[in-house]
Amino acid sequence: MRRMSHSISMIMQVCSFITSLAAAIAILAKPVREKLFGIRKIEDGQRCVLRAKMLDIYYRGKDNENKIRQYDFENFVLMYAAYKALGGNSFVDKINNEVQAMEVIT
């Protein structure tokens, strides 16, 4: 019985070590992967392009008496979702609210 208890204790220690090691690797893997592949720079560039395109659509609508073409509106909605998913800031939230209030024309 004592030997079985010792074996179970040893298995629990090994499992605990493996779990701790896996957690440490998971914590370190993301920053290393981002640094290694330049993912952060790519995301920054994507956010910049999305923001520029959304502003272009916004200003075209403003110049057109707050009227926006349906295709532009649909593109704006998709770009806004992608921008926010990439961690975009709240600057575009105000623009989104104004675009949502524009008259959509075909």
PDB file of N, CA and C in Angstrom:
ATOM      1  N   MET A   1       0.820  -1.196   0.000  1.00  0.00           N
ATOM      2  CA  MET A   1       0.000   0.000   0.000  1.00  0.00           C
ATOM      3  C   MET A   1       0.863   1.261   0.000  1.00  0.00           C
ATOM      4  N   ARG A   2       1.909   1.199   0.796  1.00  0.00           N
ATOM      5  CA  ARG A   2       2.799   2.350   0.888  1.00  0.00           C
ATOM      6  C   ARG A   2       3.458   2.630  -0.463  1.00  0.00           C
ATOM      7  N   ARG A   3       3.852   1.574  -1.149  1.00  0.00           N
ATOM      8  CA  ARG A   3       4.503   1.712  -2.456  1.00  0.00           C
ATOM      9  C   ARG A   3       3.534   2.321  -3.469  1.00  0.00           C
ATOM     10  N   MET A   4       2.256   1.911  -3.408  1.00  0.00           N
ATOM     11  CA  MET A   4       1.244   2.449  -4.313  1.00  0.00           C
ATOM     12  C   MET A   4       1.020   3.936  -4.032  1.00  0.00           C
ATOM     13  N   SER A   5       0.987   4.306  -2.784  1.00  0.00           N
ATOM     14  CA  SER A   5       0.819   5.708  -2.400  1.00  0.00           C
ATOM     15  C   SER A   5       1.991   6.544  -2.899  1.00  0.00           C
ATOM     16  N   HIS A   6       3.195   5.981  -2.791  1.00  0.00           N
ATOM     17  CA  HIS A   6       4.385   6.685  -3.279  1.00  0.00           C
ATOM     18  C   HIS A   6       4.328   6.837  -4.801  1.00  0.00           C
ATOM     19  N   SER A   7       3.862   5.805  -5.497  1.00  0.00           N
ATOM     20  CA  SER A   7       3.744   5.854  -6.955  1.00  0.00           C
ATOM     21  C   SER A   7       2.734   6.908  -7.395  1.00  0.00           C
ATOM     22  N   ILE A   8       1.617   6.959  -6.691  1.00  0.00           N
ATOM     23  CA  ILE A   8       0.597   7.962  -7.026  1.00  0.00           C
ATOM     24  C   ILE A   8       1.136   9.361  -6.771  1.00  0.00           C
ATOM     25  N   SER A   9       1.851   9.527  -5.694  1.00  0.00           N
ATOM     26  CA  SER A   9       2.444  10.826  -5.371  1.00  0.00           C
ATOM     27  C   SER A   9       3.437  11.242  -6.460  1.00  0.00           C
ATOM     28  N   MET A  10       4.246  10.282  -6.907  1.00  0.00           N
ATOM     29  CA  MET A  10       5.232  10.565  -7.955  1.00  0.00           C
ATOM     30  C   MET A  10       4.536  10.932  -9.267  1.00  0.00           C
ATOM     31  N   ILE A  11       3.468  10.226  -9.615  1.00  0.00           N
ATOM     32  CA  ILE A  11       2.708  10.525 -10.838  1.00  0.00           C
ATOM     33  C   ILE A  11       2.102  11.923 -10.747  1.00  0.00           C
ATOM     34  N   MET A  12       1.588  12.268  -9.584  1.00  0.00           N
ATOM     35  CA  MET A  12       0.996  13.597  -9.412  1.00  0.00           C
ATOM     36  C   MET A  12       2.056  14.684  -9.548  1.00  0.00           C
ATOM     37  N   GLN A  13       3.239  14.466  -9.043  1.00  0.00           N
ATOM     38  CA  GLN A  13       4.321  15.439  -9.162  1.00  0.00           C
ATOM     39  C   GLN A  13       4.734  15.615 -10.619  1.00  0.00           C
ATOM     40  N   VAL A  14       4.838  14.505 -11.332  1.00  0.00           N
ATOM     41  CA  VAL A  14       5.204  14.566 -12.748  1.00  0.00           C
ATOM     42  C   VAL A  14       4.130  15.309 -13.537  1.00  0.00           C
ATOM     43  N   CYS A  15       2.860  14.995 -13.280  1.00  0.00           N
ATOM     44  CA  CYS A  15       1.761  15.677 -13.970  1.00  0.00           C
ATOM     45  C   CYS A  15       1.765  17.170 -13.654  1.00  0.00           C
ATOM     46  N   SER A  16       2.014  17.508 -12.423  1.00  0.00           N
ATOM     47  CA  SER A  16       2.073  18.907 -12.015  1.00  0.00           C
ATOM     48  C   SER A  16       3.205  19.629 -12.740  1.00  0.00           C
ATOM     49  N   PHE A  17       4.354  18.971 -12.831  1.00  0.00           N
ATOM     50  CA  PHE A  17       5.489  19.556 -13.530  1.00  0.00           C
ATOM     51  C   PHE A  17       5.178  19.764 -15.007  1.00  0.00           C
ATOM     52  N   ILE A  18       4.594  18.755 -15.628  1.00  0.00           N
ATOM     53  CA  ILE A  18       4.251  18.849 -17.055  1.00  0.00           C
ATOM     54  C   ILE A  18       3.240  19.975 -17.289  1.00  0.00           C
ATOM     55  N   THR A  19       2.253  20.092 -16.426  1.00  0.00           N
ATOM     56  CA  THR A  19       1.256  21.160 -16.550  1.00  0.00           C
ATOM     57  C   THR A  19       1.904  22.530 -16.401  1.00  0.00           C
ATOM     58  N   SER A  20       2.784  22.670 -15.432  1.00  0.00           N
ATOM     59  CA  SER A  20       3.480  23.942 -15.224  1.00  0.00           C
ATOM     60  C   SER A  20       4.360  24.282 -16.420  1.00  0.00           C
ATOM     61  N   LEU A  21       5.054  23.281 -16.933  1.00  0.00           N
ATOM     62  CA  LEU A  21       5.908  23.485 -18.095  1.00  0.00           C
ATOM     63  C   LEU A  21       5.089  23.894 -19.316  1.00  0.00           C
ATOM     64  N   ALA A  22       3.968  23.235 -19.535  1.00  0.00           N
ATOM     65  CA  ALA A  22       3.097  23.575 -20.668  1.00  0.00           C
ATOM     66  C   ALA A  22       2.560  24.996 -20.539  1.00  0.00           C
ATOM     67  N   ALA A  23       2.192  25.391 -19.328  1.00  0.00           N
ATOM     68  CA  ALA A  23       1.688  26.753 -19.108  1.00  0.00           C
ATOM     69  C   ALA A  23       2.780  27.779 -19.393  1.00  0.00           C
ATOM     70  N   ALA A  24       4.000  27.501 -18.937  1.00  0.00           N
ATOM     71  CA  ALA A  24       5.113  28.425 -19.181  1.00  0.00           C
ATOM     72  C   ALA A  24       5.397  28.551 -20.672  1.00  0.00           C
ATOM     73  N   ILE A  25       5.362  27.438 -21.378  1.00  0.00           N
ATOM     74  CA  ILE A  25       5.597  27.465 -22.832  1.00  0.00           C
ATOM     75  C   ILE A  25       4.497  28.258 -23.528  1.00  0.00           C
ATOM     76  N   ALA A  26       3.254  28.049 -23.109  1.00  0.00           N
ATOM     77  CA  ALA A  26       2.135  28.780 -23.720  1.00  0.00           C
ATOM     78  C   ALA A  26       2.268  30.272 -23.496  1.00  0.00           C
ATOM     79  N   ILE A  27       2.693  30.670 -22.313  1.00  0.00           N
ATOM     80  CA  ILE A  27       2.849  32.095 -22.005  1.00  0.00           C
ATOM     81  C   ILE A  27       3.966  32.707 -22.843  1.00  0.00           C
ATOM     82  N   LEU A  28       5.040  31.974 -23.030  1.00  0.00           N
ATOM     83  CA  LEU A  28       6.187  32.496 -23.776  1.00  0.00           C
ATOM     84  C   LEU A  28       6.057  32.357 -25.280  1.00  0.00           C
ATOM     85  N   ALA A  29       5.250  31.419 -25.743  1.00  0.00           N
ATOM     86  CA  ALA A  29       5.167  31.121 -27.173  1.00  0.00           C
ATOM     87  C   ALA A  29       4.605  32.281 -27.982  1.00  0.00           C
ATOM     88  N   LYS A  30       3.558  32.922 -27.497  1.00  0.00           N
ATOM     89  CA  LYS A  30       2.924  33.986 -28.276  1.00  0.00           C
ATOM     90  C   LYS A  30       3.874  35.157 -28.536  1.00  0.00           C
ATOM     91  N   PRO A  31       4.518  35.732 -27.513  1.00  0.00           N
ATOM     92  CA  PRO A  31       5.430  36.843 -27.807  1.00  0.00           C
ATOM     93  C   PRO A  31       6.597  36.432 -28.702  1.00  0.00           C
ATOM     94  N   VAL A  32       7.107  35.218 -28.505  1.00  0.00           N
ATOM     95  CA  VAL A  32       8.218  34.744 -29.329  1.00  0.00           C
ATOM     96  C   VAL A  32       7.759  34.587 -30.773  1.00  0.00           C
ATOM     97  N   ARG A  33       6.573  33.992 -30.961  1.00  0.00           N
ATOM     98  CA  ARG A  33       6.020  33.822 -32.311  1.00  0.00           C
ATOM     99  C   ARG A  33       5.785  35.171 -32.978  1.00  0.00           C
ATOM    100  N   GLU A  34       5.217  36.122 -32.215  1.00  0.00           N
ATOM    101  CA  GLU A  34       4.978  37.455 -32.777  1.00  0.00           C
ATOM    102  C   GLU A  34       6.281  38.121 -33.180  1.00  0.00           C
ATOM    103  N   LYS A  35       7.287  38.009 -32.350  1.00  0.00           N
ATOM    104  CA  LYS A  35       8.589  38.612 -32.640  1.00  0.00           C
ATOM    105  C   LYS A  35       9.261  37.925 -33.815  1.00  0.00           C
ATOM    106  N   LEU A  36       9.223  36.604 -33.813  1.00  0.00           N
ATOM    107  CA  LEU A  36       9.892  35.818 -34.840  1.00  0.00           C
ATOM    108  C   LEU A  36       9.308  36.079 -36.226  1.00  0.00           C
ATOM    109  N   PHE A  37       8.002  36.118 -36.325  1.00  0.00           N
ATOM    110  CA  PHE A  37       7.348  36.275 -37.622  1.00  0.00           C
ATOM    111  C   PHE A  37       6.921  37.711 -37.919  1.00  0.00           C
ATOM    112  N   GLY A  38       7.128  38.634 -37.003  1.00  0.00           N
ATOM    113  CA  GLY A  38       6.751  40.023 -37.227  1.00  0.00           C
ATOM    114  C   GLY A  38       5.251  40.229 -37.292  1.00  0.00           C
ATOM    115  N   ILE A  39       4.507  39.387 -36.567  1.00  0.00           N
ATOM    116  CA  ILE A  39       3.049  39.442 -36.623  1.00  0.00           C
ATOM    117  C   ILE A  39       2.519  40.784 -36.142  1.00  0.00           C
ATOM    118  N   ARG A  40       3.115  41.326 -35.103  1.00  0.00           N
ATOM    119  CA  ARG A  40       2.646  42.605 -34.567  1.00  0.00           C
ATOM    120  C   ARG A  40       2.759  43.719 -35.621  1.00  0.00           C
ATOM    121  N   LYS A  41       3.863  43.727 -36.355  1.00  0.00           N
ATOM    122  CA  LYS A  41       4.051  44.741 -37.396  1.00  0.00           C
ATOM    123  C   LYS A  41       3.035  44.569 -38.519  1.00  0.00           C
ATOM    124  N   ILE A  42       2.745  43.332 -38.856  1.00  0.00           N
ATOM    125  CA  ILE A  42       1.743  43.058 -39.903  1.00  0.00           C
ATOM    126  C   ILE A  42       0.378  43.534 -39.439  1.00  0.00           C
ATOM    127  N   GLU A  43       0.015  43.240 -38.190  1.00  0.00           N
ATOM    128  CA  GLU A  43      -1.274  43.685 -37.656  1.00  0.00           C
ATOM    129  C   GLU A  43      -1.352  45.209 -37.610  1.00  0.00           C
ATOM    130  N   ASP A  44      -0.259  45.860 -37.222  1.00  0.00           N
ATOM    131  CA  ASP A  44      -0.234  47.330 -37.204  1.00  0.00           C
ATOM    132  C   ASP A  44      -0.486  47.887 -38.606  1.00  0.00           C
ATOM    133  N   GLY A  45       0.142  47.276 -39.589  1.00  0.00           N
ATOM    134  CA  GLY A  45      -0.047  47.708 -40.977  1.00  0.00           C
ATOM    135  C   GLY A  45      -1.472  47.472 -41.450  1.00  0.00           C
ATOM    136  N   GLN A  46      -2.035  46.344 -41.086  1.00  0.00           N
ATOM    137  CA  GLN A  46      -3.414  46.055 -41.478  1.00  0.00           C
ATOM    138  C   GLN A  46      -4.382  47.047 -40.840  1.00  0.00           C
ATOM    139  N   ARG A  47      -4.173  47.358 -39.565  1.00  0.00           N
ATOM    140  CA  ARG A  47      -5.031  48.346 -38.899  1.00  0.00           C
ATOM    141  C   ARG A  47      -4.931  49.694 -39.593  1.00  0.00           C
ATOM    142  N   CYS A  48      -3.729  50.088 -39.963  1.00  0.00           N
ATOM    143  CA  CYS A  48      -3.520  51.376 -40.632  1.00  0.00           C
ATOM    144  C   CYS A  48      -4.253  51.421 -41.975  1.00  0.00           C
ATOM    145  N   VAL A  49      -4.137  50.358 -42.756  1.00  0.00           N
ATOM    146  CA  VAL A  49      -4.809  50.307 -44.066  1.00  0.00           C
ATOM    147  C   VAL A  49      -6.322  50.323 -43.880  1.00  0.00           C
ATOM    148  N   LEU A  50      -6.824  49.540 -42.936  1.00  0.00           N
ATOM    149  CA  LEU A  50      -8.270  49.515 -42.682  1.00  0.00           C
ATOM    150  C   LEU A  50      -8.775  50.887 -42.248  1.00  0.00           C
ATOM    151  N   ARG A  51      -8.043  51.532 -41.341  1.00  0.00           N
ATOM    152  CA  ARG A  51      -8.450  52.858 -40.860  1.00  0.00           C
ATOM    153  C   ARG A  51      -8.496  53.856 -42.013  1.00  0.00           C
ATOM    154  N   ALA A  52      -7.486  53.820 -42.877  1.00  0.00           N
ATOM    155  CA  ALA A  52      -7.439  54.741 -44.020  1.00  0.00           C
ATOM    156  C   ALA A  52      -8.609  54.503 -44.971  1.00  0.00           C
ATOM    157  N   LYS A  53      -8.921  53.260 -45.246  1.00  0.00           N
ATOM    158  CA  LYS A  53     -10.028  52.944 -46.158  1.00  0.00           C
ATOM    159  C   LYS A  53     -11.379  53.320 -45.540  1.00  0.00           C
ATOM    160  N   MET A  54     -11.523  53.081 -44.233  1.00  0.00           N
ATOM    161  CA  MET A  54     -12.777  53.461 -43.572  1.00  0.00           C
ATOM    162  C   MET A  54     -12.955  54.973 -43.582  1.00  0.00           C
ATOM    163  N   LEU A  55     -11.866  55.709 -43.356  1.00  0.00           N
ATOM    164  CA  LEU A  55     -11.956  57.173 -43.385  1.00  0.00           C
ATOM    165  C   LEU A  55     -12.289  57.670 -44.783  1.00  0.00           C
ATOM    166  N   ASP A  56     -11.753  57.005 -45.796  1.00  0.00           N
ATOM    167  CA  ASP A  56     -12.068  57.377 -47.175  1.00  0.00           C
ATOM    168  C   ASP A  56     -13.568  57.225 -47.446  1.00  0.00           C
ATOM    169  N   ILE A  57     -14.125  56.104 -47.033  1.00  0.00           N
ATOM    170  CA  ILE A  57     -15.568  55.881 -47.205  1.00  0.00           C
ATOM    171  C   ILE A  57     -16.363  56.918 -46.412  1.00  0.00           C
ATOM    172  N   TYR A  58     -15.939  57.185 -45.200  1.00  0.00           N
ATOM    173  CA  TYR A  58     -16.619  58.158 -44.336  1.00  0.00           C
ATOM    174  C   TYR A  58     -16.646  59.541 -44.979  1.00  0.00           C
ATOM    175  N   TYR A  59     -15.488  60.012 -45.443  1.00  0.00           N
ATOM    176  CA  TYR A  59     -15.428  61.358 -46.032  1.00  0.00           C
ATOM    177  C   TYR A  59     -16.186  61.446 -47.355  1.00  0.00           C
ATOM    178  N   ARG A  60     -16.206  60.361 -48.126  1.00  0.00           N
ATOM    179  CA  ARG A  60     -17.017  60.364 -49.352  1.00  0.00           C
ATOM    180  C   ARG A  60     -18.489  60.523 -49.003  1.00  0.00           C
ATOM    181  N   GLY A  61     -18.931  59.832 -47.951  1.00  0.00           N
ATOM    182  CA  GLY A  61     -20.319  59.964 -47.506  1.00  0.00           C
ATOM    183  C   GLY A  61     -20.617  61.366 -47.011  1.00  0.00           C
ATOM    184  N   LYS A  62     -19.677  61.950 -46.261  1.00  0.00           N
ATOM    185  CA  LYS A  62     -19.873  63.320 -45.770  1.00  0.00           C
ATOM    186  C   LYS A  62     -19.962  64.305 -46.941  1.00  0.00           C
ATOM    187  N   ASP A  63     -19.111  64.105 -47.942  1.00  0.00           N
ATOM    188  CA  ASP A  63     -19.125  64.979 -49.124  1.00  0.00           C
ATOM    189  C   ASP A  63     -20.396  64.790 -49.947  1.00  0.00           C
ATOM    190  N   ASN A  64     -21.052  63.660 -49.802  1.00  0.00           N
ATOM    191  CA  ASN A  64     -22.261  63.340 -50.552  1.00  0.00           C
ATOM    192  C   ASN A  64     -23.507  63.536 -49.679  1.00  0.00           C
ATOM    193  N   GLU A  65     -23.485  64.559 -48.842  1.00  0.00           N
ATOM    194  CA  GLU A  65     -24.633  64.936 -48.001  1.00  0.00           C
ATOM    195  C   GLU A  65     -25.079  63.792 -47.086  1.00  0.00           C
ATOM    196  N   ASN A  66     -24.113  63.135 -46.459  1.00  0.00           N
ATOM    197  CA  ASN A  66     -24.383  62.017 -45.531  1.00  0.00           C
ATOM    198  C   ASN A  66     -25.129  60.860 -46.189  1.00  0.00           C
ATOM    199  N   LYS A  67     -24.827  60.636 -47.454  1.00  0.00           N
ATOM    200  CA  LYS A  67     -25.371  59.489 -48.179  1.00  0.00           C
ATOM    201  C   LYS A  67     -24.210  58.581 -48.549  1.00  0.00           C
ATOM    202  N   ILE A  68     -24.419  57.286 -48.359  1.00  0.00           N
ATOM    203  CA  ILE A  68     -23.357  56.329 -48.622  1.00  0.00           C
ATOM    204  C   ILE A  68     -23.910  55.208 -49.498  1.00  0.00           C
ATOM    205  N   ARG A  69     -23.130  54.799 -50.471  1.00  0.00           N
ATOM    206  CA  ARG A  69     -23.555  53.708 -51.345  1.00  0.00           C
ATOM    207  C   ARG A  69     -23.579  52.399 -50.560  1.00  0.00           C
ATOM    208  N   GLN A  70     -24.493  51.531 -50.930  1.00  0.00           N
ATOM    209  CA  GLN A  70     -24.680  50.272 -50.204  1.00  0.00           C
ATOM    210  C   GLN A  70     -23.392  49.449 -50.168  1.00  0.00           C
ATOM    211  N   TYR A  71     -22.706  49.368 -51.305  1.00  0.00           N
ATOM    212  CA  TYR A  71     -21.459  48.594 -51.374  1.00  0.00           C
ATOM    213  C   TYR A  71     -20.426  49.170 -50.405  1.00  0.00           C
ATOM    214  N   ASP A  72     -20.298  50.502 -50.387  1.00  0.00           N
ATOM    215  CA  ASP A  72     -19.365  51.144 -49.456  1.00  0.00           C
ATOM    216  C   ASP A  72     -19.770  50.881 -48.008  1.00  0.00           C
ATOM    217  N   PHE A  73     -21.063  50.940 -47.735  1.00  0.00           N
ATOM    218  CA  PHE A  73     -21.546  50.699 -46.377  1.00  0.00           C
ATOM    219  C   PHE A  73     -21.203  49.277 -45.929  1.00  0.00           C
ATOM    220  N   GLU A  74     -21.473  48.303 -46.791  1.00  0.00           N
ATOM    221  CA  GLU A  74     -21.185  46.913 -46.458  1.00  0.00           C
ATOM    222  C   GLU A  74     -19.686  46.698 -46.240  1.00  0.00           C
ATOM    223  N   ASN A  75     -18.872  47.294 -47.093  1.00  0.00           N
ATOM    224  CA  ASN A  75     -17.421  47.192 -46.929  1.00  0.00           C
ATOM    225  C   ASN A  75     -16.974  47.832 -45.618  1.00  0.00           C
ATOM    226  N   PHE A  76     -17.553  48.984 -45.301  1.00  0.00           N
ATOM    227  CA  PHE A  76     -17.202  49.664 -44.062  1.00  0.00           C
ATOM    228  C   PHE A  76     -17.498  48.773 -42.857  1.00  0.00           C
ATOM    229  N   VAL A  77     -18.663  48.147 -42.848  1.00  0.00           N
ATOM    230  CA  VAL A  77     -19.053  47.278 -41.728  1.00  0.00           C
ATOM    231  C   VAL A  77     -18.051  46.127 -41.574  1.00  0.00           C
ATOM    232  N   LEU A  78     -17.664  45.504 -42.678  1.00  0.00           N
ATOM    233  CA  LEU A  78     -16.698  44.401 -42.621  1.00  0.00           C
ATOM    234  C   LEU A  78     -15.319  44.885 -42.176  1.00  0.00           C
ATOM    235  N   MET A  79     -14.898  46.036 -42.679  1.00  0.00           N
ATOM    236  CA  MET A  79     -13.598  46.580 -42.291  1.00  0.00           C
ATOM    237  C   MET A  79     -13.587  46.977 -40.816  1.00  0.00           C
ATOM    238  N   TYR A  80     -14.690  47.537 -40.349  1.00  0.00           N
ATOM    239  CA  TYR A  80     -14.785  47.933 -38.943  1.00  0.00           C
ATOM    240  C   TYR A  80     -14.658  46.707 -38.040  1.00  0.00           C
ATOM    241  N   ALA A  81     -15.307  45.623 -38.388  1.00  0.00           N
ATOM    242  CA  ALA A  81     -15.223  44.395 -37.588  1.00  0.00           C
ATOM    243  C   ALA A  81     -13.786  43.869 -37.572  1.00  0.00           C
ATOM    244  N   ALA A  82     -13.131  43.887 -38.719  1.00  0.00           N
ATOM    245  CA  ALA A  82     -11.739  43.424 -38.794  1.00  0.00           C
ATOM    246  C   ALA A  82     -10.820  44.343 -37.992  1.00  0.00           C
ATOM    247  N   TYR A  83     -11.050  45.643 -38.091  1.00  0.00           N
ATOM    248  CA  TYR A  83     -10.244  46.627 -37.359  1.00  0.00           C
ATOM    249  C   TYR A  83     -10.348  46.395 -35.854  1.00  0.00           C
ATOM    250  N   LYS A  84     -11.557  46.192 -35.369  1.00  0.00           N
ATOM    251  CA  LYS A  84     -11.754  45.967 -33.935  1.00  0.00           C
ATOM    252  C   LYS A  84     -11.154  44.619 -33.509  1.00  0.00           C
ATOM    253  N   ALA A  85     -11.254  43.602 -34.359  1.00  0.00           N
ATOM    254  CA  ALA A  85     -10.684  42.294 -34.038  1.00  0.00           C
ATOM    255  C   ALA A  85      -9.163  42.355 -33.939  1.00  0.00           C
ATOM    256  N   LEU A  86      -8.567  43.284 -34.678  1.00  0.00           N
ATOM    257  CA  LEU A  86      -7.119  43.468 -34.625  1.00  0.00           C
ATOM    258  C   LEU A  86      -6.701  44.366 -33.466  1.00  0.00           C
ATOM    259  N   GLY A  87      -7.655  44.746 -32.637  1.00  0.00           N
ATOM    260  CA  GLY A  87      -7.329  45.579 -31.473  1.00  0.00           C
ATOM    261  C   GLY A  87      -7.333  47.060 -31.772  1.00  0.00           C
ATOM    262  N   GLY A  88      -8.065  47.457 -32.814  1.00  0.00           N
ATOM    263  CA  GLY A  88      -8.138  48.868 -33.167  1.00  0.00           C
ATOM    264  C   GLY A  88      -8.717  49.705 -32.044  1.00  0.00           C
ATOM    265  N   ASN A  89      -8.291  50.962 -31.982  1.00  0.00           N
ATOM    266  CA  ASN A  89      -8.705  51.831 -30.874  1.00  0.00           C
ATOM    267  C   ASN A  89     -10.089  52.422 -31.108  1.00  0.00           C
ATOM    268  N   SER A  90     -10.512  53.248 -30.196  1.00  0.00           N
ATOM    269  CA  SER A  90     -11.874  53.782 -30.219  1.00  0.00           C
ATOM    270  C   SER A  90     -12.043  54.963 -31.173  1.00  0.00           C
ATOM    271  N   PHE A  91     -10.975  55.425 -31.804  1.00  0.00           N
ATOM    272  CA  PHE A  91     -11.084  56.541 -32.748  1.00  0.00           C
ATOM    273  C   PHE A  91     -12.123  56.234 -33.821  1.00  0.00           C
ATOM    274  N   VAL A  92     -12.113  55.030 -34.332  1.00  0.00           N
ATOM    275  CA  VAL A  92     -13.001  54.664 -35.427  1.00  0.00           C
ATOM    276  C   VAL A  92     -14.430  54.409 -34.930  1.00  0.00           C
ATOM    277  N   ASP A  93     -14.615  54.225 -33.625  1.00  0.00           N
ATOM    278  CA  ASP A  93     -15.967  54.022 -33.095  1.00  0.00           C
ATOM    279  C   ASP A  93     -16.864  55.217 -33.420  1.00  0.00           C
ATOM    280  N   LYS A  94     -16.338  56.427 -33.261  1.00  0.00           N
ATOM    281  CA  LYS A  94     -17.111  57.642 -33.576  1.00  0.00           C
ATOM    282  C   LYS A  94     -17.445  57.685 -35.066  1.00  0.00           C
ATOM    283  N   ILE A  95     -16.477  57.359 -35.886  1.00  0.00           N
ATOM    284  CA  ILE A  95     -16.690  57.331 -37.338  1.00  0.00           C
ATOM    285  C   ILE A  95     -17.748  56.278 -37.672  1.00  0.00           C
ATOM    286  N   ASN A  96     -17.664  55.114 -37.038  1.00  0.00           N
ATOM    287  CA  ASN A  96     -18.643  54.058 -37.273  1.00  0.00           C
ATOM    288  C   ASN A  96     -20.051  54.535 -36.929  1.00  0.00           C
ATOM    289  N   ASN A  97     -20.205  55.208 -35.803  1.00  0.00           N
ATOM    290  CA  ASN A  97     -21.529  55.711 -35.414  1.00  0.00           C
ATOM    291  C   ASN A  97     -22.087  56.670 -36.459  1.00  0.00           C
ATOM    292  N   GLU A  98     -21.227  57.511 -37.008  1.00  0.00           N
ATOM    293  CA  GLU A  98     -21.689  58.463 -38.030  1.00  0.00           C
ATOM    294  C   GLU A  98     -22.036  57.748 -39.332  1.00  0.00           C
ATOM    295  N   VAL A  99     -21.246  56.757 -39.707  1.00  0.00           N
ATOM    296  CA  VAL A  99     -21.539  56.000 -40.938  1.00  0.00           C
ATOM    297  C   VAL A  99     -22.859  55.247 -40.771  1.00  0.00           C
ATOM    298  N   GLN A 100     -23.088  54.673 -39.601  1.00  0.00           N
ATOM    299  CA  GLN A 100     -24.332  53.947 -39.340  1.00  0.00           C
ATOM    300  C   GLN A 100     -25.545  54.865 -39.478  1.00  0.00           C
ATOM    301  N   ALA A 101     -25.370  56.144 -39.204  1.00  0.00           N
ATOM    302  CA  ALA A 101     -26.479  57.098 -39.287  1.00  0.00           C
ATOM    303  C   ALA A 101     -26.691  57.644 -40.699  1.00  0.00           C
ATOM    304  N   MET A 102     -25.751  57.367 -41.604  1.00  0.00           N
ATOM    305  CA  MET A 102     -25.874  57.871 -42.987  1.00  0.00           C
ATOM    306  C   MET A 102     -26.979  57.133 -43.739  1.00  0.00           C
ATOM    307  N   GLU A 103     -27.532  57.831 -44.720  1.00  0.00           N
ATOM    308  CA  GLU A 103     -28.549  57.218 -45.592  1.00  0.00           C
ATOM    309  C   GLU A 103     -27.834  56.313 -46.589  1.00  0.00           C
ATOM    310  N   VAL A 104     -28.266  55.059 -46.645  1.00  0.00           N
ATOM    311  CA  VAL A 104     -27.655  54.090 -47.580  1.00  0.00           C
ATOM    312  C   VAL A 104     -28.446  54.147 -48.882  1.00  0.00           C
ATOM    313  N   ILE A 105     -27.716  54.406 -49.971  1.00  0.00           N
ATOM    314  CA  ILE A 105     -28.349  54.486 -51.289  1.00  0.00           C
ATOM    315  C   ILE A 105     -27.781  53.381 -52.178  1.00  0.00           C
ATOM    316  N   THR A 106     -28.593  52.994 -53.174  1.00  0.00           N
ATOM    317  CA  THR A 106     -28.134  51.942 -54.091  1.00  0.00           C
ATOM    318  C   THR A 106     -27.579  52.518 -55.346  1.00  0.00           C
TER     319      THR A 106
END
